[in-house]
Amino acid sequence: MNIDHLVHMANRIGDFFAAQPDREEALLGIADHIRKFWTPTMRAQLIDSVQAGEATDLRDVVLDALRAHGSSLAPHRGKE
């Protein structure tokens, strides 16, 4: 999937959860939504792009969620 499309979708998720008054709850909500509704391939592509510095348009709240909870999103390679 195109990384720009994934970034757009992740930012929309971030916009929704950023309205929550508790920042940690928002970060958990973003990570949980991505874990539940994105395929392992989509999650891996987003995480890999962030690590490579390619997902430059991600909102800060989404980046913070991926940094804080990214290990729970990463699929086990080879088990997709």
C-alpha atoms as a PDB file:
ATOM      1  CA  MET A   1       0.000   0.000   0.000  1.00  0.00           C
ATOM      2  CA  ASN A   2       1.162   3.530  -0.689  1.00  0.00           C
ATOM      3  CA  ILE A   3       2.854   5.032   2.381  1.00  0.00           C
ATOM      4  CA  ASP A   4       1.182   8.404   1.779  1.00  0.00           C
ATOM      5  CA  HIS A   5      -2.197   6.705   2.068  1.00  0.00           C
ATOM      6  CA  LEU A   6      -1.170   4.951   5.291  1.00  0.00           C
ATOM      7  CA  VAL A   7       0.090   8.237   6.733  1.00  0.00           C
ATOM      8  CA  HIS A   8      -3.194   9.918   5.808  1.00  0.00           C
ATOM      9  CA  MET A   9      -5.216   7.159   7.491  1.00  0.00           C
ATOM     10  CA  ALA A  10      -2.988   7.186  10.592  1.00  0.00           C
ATOM     11  CA  ASN A  11      -3.325  10.972  10.853  1.00  0.00           C
ATOM     12  CA  ARG A  12      -7.117  10.716  10.705  1.00  0.00           C
ATOM     13  CA  ILE A  13      -7.001   8.188  13.551  1.00  0.00           C
ATOM     14  CA  GLY A  14      -4.685  10.544  15.429  1.00  0.00           C
ATOM     15  CA  ASP A  15      -7.036  13.485  14.904  1.00  0.00           C
ATOM     16  CA  PHE A  16      -9.884  11.527  16.448  1.00  0.00           C
ATOM     17  CA  PHE A  17      -7.974  10.367  19.517  1.00  0.00           C
ATOM     18  CA  ALA A  18      -6.064  13.647  20.018  1.00  0.00           C
ATOM     19  CA  ALA A  19      -9.293  15.198  21.287  1.00  0.00           C
ATOM     20  CA  GLN A  20      -9.139  13.020  24.404  1.00  0.00           C
ATOM     21  CA  PRO A  21      -7.996  14.963  27.455  1.00  0.00           C
ATOM     22  CA  ASP A  22      -5.705  12.172  28.702  1.00  0.00           C
ATOM     23  CA  ARG A  23      -2.650  12.045  26.404  1.00  0.00           C
ATOM     24  CA  GLU A  24      -1.646   8.495  27.352  1.00  0.00           C
ATOM     25  CA  GLU A  25      -5.193   7.296  26.754  1.00  0.00           C
ATOM     26  CA  ALA A  26      -5.052   8.915  23.306  1.00  0.00           C
ATOM     27  CA  LEU A  27      -1.749   7.205  22.486  1.00  0.00           C
ATOM     28  CA  LEU A  28      -3.106   3.847  23.598  1.00  0.00           C
ATOM     29  CA  GLY A  29      -6.280   4.440  21.578  1.00  0.00           C
ATOM     30  CA  ILE A  30      -4.316   5.156  18.410  1.00  0.00           C
ATOM     31  CA  ALA A  31      -2.146   2.068  18.831  1.00  0.00           C
ATOM     32  CA  ASP A  32      -5.114  -0.120  19.714  1.00  0.00           C
ATOM     33  CA  HIS A  33      -7.092   1.037  16.678  1.00  0.00           C
ATOM     34  CA  ILE A  34      -4.177   0.350  14.333  1.00  0.00           C
ATOM     35  CA  ARG A  35      -3.575  -3.055  15.927  1.00  0.00           C
ATOM     36  CA  LYS A  36      -7.241  -4.070  15.620  1.00  0.00           C
ATOM     37  CA  PHE A  37      -8.122  -2.730  12.180  1.00  0.00           C
ATOM     38  CA  TRP A  38      -4.940  -2.660  10.103  1.00  0.00           C
ATOM     39  CA  THR A  39      -3.423  -5.723   8.504  1.00  0.00           C
ATOM     40  CA  PRO A  40       0.003  -6.864   9.694  1.00  0.00           C
ATOM     41  CA  THR A  41       1.448  -5.736   6.366  1.00  0.00           C
ATOM     42  CA  MET A  42       0.018  -2.228   6.756  1.00  0.00           C
ATOM     43  CA  ARG A  43       1.356  -1.961  10.323  1.00  0.00           C
ATOM     44  CA  ALA A  44       4.800  -3.183   9.302  1.00  0.00           C
ATOM     45  CA  GLN A  45       4.965  -0.779   6.375  1.00  0.00           C
ATOM     46  CA  LEU A  46       4.069   2.193   8.569  1.00  0.00           C
ATOM     47  CA  ILE A  47       6.537   1.231  11.307  1.00  0.00           C
ATOM     48  CA  ASP A  48       9.309   0.559   8.781  1.00  0.00           C
ATOM     49  CA  SER A  49       8.658   3.922   7.106  1.00  0.00           C
ATOM     50  CA  VAL A  50       8.816   5.750  10.438  1.00  0.00           C
ATOM     51  CA  GLN A  51      12.080   4.016  11.339  1.00  0.00           C
ATOM     52  CA  ALA A  52      13.531   4.892   7.921  1.00  0.00           C
ATOM     53  CA  GLY A  53      12.494   8.539   8.314  1.00  0.00           C
ATOM     54  CA  GLU A  54      10.138   8.329   5.335  1.00  0.00           C
ATOM     55  CA  ALA A  55       6.789   9.001   7.043  1.00  0.00           C
ATOM     56  CA  THR A  56       7.561  12.666   7.543  1.00  0.00           C
ATOM     57  CA  ASP A  57       3.963  13.902   7.439  1.00  0.00           C
ATOM     58  CA  LEU A  58       2.735  11.939  10.452  1.00  0.00           C
ATOM     59  CA  ARG A  59       1.210  14.086  13.173  1.00  0.00           C
ATOM     60  CA  ASP A  60       3.123  14.246  16.445  1.00  0.00           C
ATOM     61  CA  VAL A  61       0.411  12.370  18.352  1.00  0.00           C
ATOM     62  CA  VAL A  62       0.660   9.452  15.907  1.00  0.00           C
ATOM     63  CA  LEU A  63       4.454   9.408  16.075  1.00  0.00           C
ATOM     64  CA  ASP A  64       4.286   9.445  19.865  1.00  0.00           C
ATOM     65  CA  ALA A  65       1.814   6.545  19.816  1.00  0.00           C
ATOM     66  CA  LEU A  66       4.043   4.529  17.483  1.00  0.00           C
ATOM     67  CA  ARG A  67       7.128   5.240  19.575  1.00  0.00           C
ATOM     68  CA  ALA A  68       5.380   4.374  22.833  1.00  0.00           C
ATOM     69  CA  HIS A  69       3.458   1.332  21.623  1.00  0.00           C
ATOM     70  CA  GLY A  70       5.036   0.351  18.314  1.00  0.00           C
ATOM     71  CA  SER A  71       6.416  -2.918  19.643  1.00  0.00           C
ATOM     72  CA  SER A  72       2.873  -4.136  20.244  1.00  0.00           C
ATOM     73  CA  LEU A  73       1.973  -3.266  16.643  1.00  0.00           C
ATOM     74  CA  ALA A  74       4.872  -4.908  14.885  1.00  0.00           C
ATOM     75  CA  PRO A  75       3.824  -8.193  13.336  1.00  0.00           C
ATOM     76  CA  HIS A  76       6.031 -11.178  13.790  1.00  0.00           C
ATOM     77  CA  ARG A  77       7.969 -11.303  10.542  1.00  0.00           C
ATOM     78  CA  GLY A  78       7.127 -14.321   8.444  1.00  0.00           C
ATOM     79  CA  LYS A  79       3.810 -15.010  10.227  1.00  0.00           C
ATOM     80  CA  GLU A  80       1.470 -12.754   8.253  1.00  0.00           C
END
